[in-house]
Amino acid sequence: MFKRVLVANRGEIALRIIRACRELGVESVAVYSEADVDSMHVQLADQAICIGAAAGKDSYLKMDRIIAAAEITDADAIHPGYGFLSENARFAEICESADIVFIGPSAKVISMMGDKATARATAIANNVPITPGTEILSSAEDGLKQAKEIGFPVMIKATAGGGGRGMRPCFEQGEFLSLYQAASNEAVACFGNGDCYLEKLVLNPHHIEIQVIGDSHGNYIHLGERDCSMQRRNQKIIEECPSPLLTPEMRERMGSASAKLIKAIDYRNAGTIEYLVDESGENFYFMEMNTRIQVEHPVTEEVMGCELIKEQIRVAAGDKLSYHVLNAQPRGHSIECRINAEDPYNNFSPSPGTIDLWYAPGGKGVRVDTHVYSGYTVPPHYDSMIAKLIVTAATREIAIARMKRALKEFTIRGIKTTIPFQLEIINHPDFVNGTYDIGWVGRYLEERKD
């Protein structure tokens, strides 16, 4: 096992990793920007080093400073969390060259599955269903020609995209060229790579992802699915496990395909394979693979009875997956709400500022993952998520009732949050009945305007 792990991230995921290290008997090192000096992860780590100014590009994305912090503190591994450098193959290579273990898959696999066009080809080679699509396009005109052959509507996707960026749905050929340019320009700004490809647009789909994990001892398994269809502009709002959509047969097909895929690429550590499921609920299509831990991993932990961050650390240290992970069986139902510092009634505008009062809900089956507290100032420089509220119960019906209670109990004063909007969703008949897809929030917001 490692002696000391540097956490190359911030916020609730950094705190989550620090706590996992402590329970494993491993020391932790926090890195932080000038804006995060008062963050809880900085206060609870065994050591903490400031690595730059507030902006992510001046701190959490500075590979040389993170490596230097690891070397100064004699850290023998780095956990990247999610976001920032978690899927950066170059960073994984640098860690290896510095004789520091990157807690994640190899740089080769990150590169392979991080490029969406290559990932699609890998899925095809392993008989995982994909939507009809193209290779990387040579130009917008090339894209228009191939879009006509596939048939509209199509989705224009940046090969290096993620988080909903570099994506544009196109329903008719007259708008294709401008949408292609918008997607490509956004991808250049966000990822430094404007290459795009096309996929046939699946109308009214569900977004289902499969949690996978592999080790260096020949174990490649899946840990069930998460339904992430409740999203706004490709940003997830509420996730649940298991999905109210999938049949046992469909669940087995998707899980088996995912486990087969990670075995084929010798995937080691935790990851997630994302799929679109059509309106019928009978067909699924590979979308992409995230070669890191996901924000929504707690619902899997609660239902499958495992601790994924600990498993990541153990696998990276060369250990075999835990017995209880290899033999995990689902139990009950779990729902997660991402609590964001945003004003849901003002176009979800960011709401940074000082939290005057923070009271988190509790009770049976309620979990809150967060790094904030009363008196903490939410900085304007990063993603607006400030907490994850997770509830678990024996059935979905009880979990929904528990989430309603917990959201009403959650008290945050001084800033606006998404809690009122999430209460609206949880109370809506479509959510209660499980009859929602990835376009539901957009339609609901439009209807609410009228």
Foldseek 3Di string as FASTA:
>chain_A
DWAEEEELDDWLQLQLLCVLCVVVNHAYEYEAEPQCCPWQSCVPGPYYYYQAHDFCVGGSQPLVSSVVVCVVVVGQEYEHADPRCNLPLVSCVVCVVSNHFYLFWHSVVSVQQQQQLSVQVLLVVLVAAAFDKDHWAPALVSQLVVCVVSDDFKKKAFRNDDLLALIDTDGDSVCRSVRLVRSQVRCCVPPVGSTIMMGHDFPQWWKKKWKWADFPPQDTFTLWIKTQFCDDSSHGFKIKPPAPLADPVRRVVVRVSRSSSCSVVVTHAIKMWMWIAHPVSPDIHTRGIGRHDDPPCVNSCVFQVHSRSSQSVCRSVRHHGDPSNSVTDGAFMKMKGFKFLFAVVPVRHHWWFAWQAWDFDDDPFWDKRFRDGHGDTGDPNDGGGGIMIMGTDRYPLVNLVVLLVRLVRTDTPDTDICSVVVNVVSPDPCVVSSPHGNCRVVVVVVVVVD
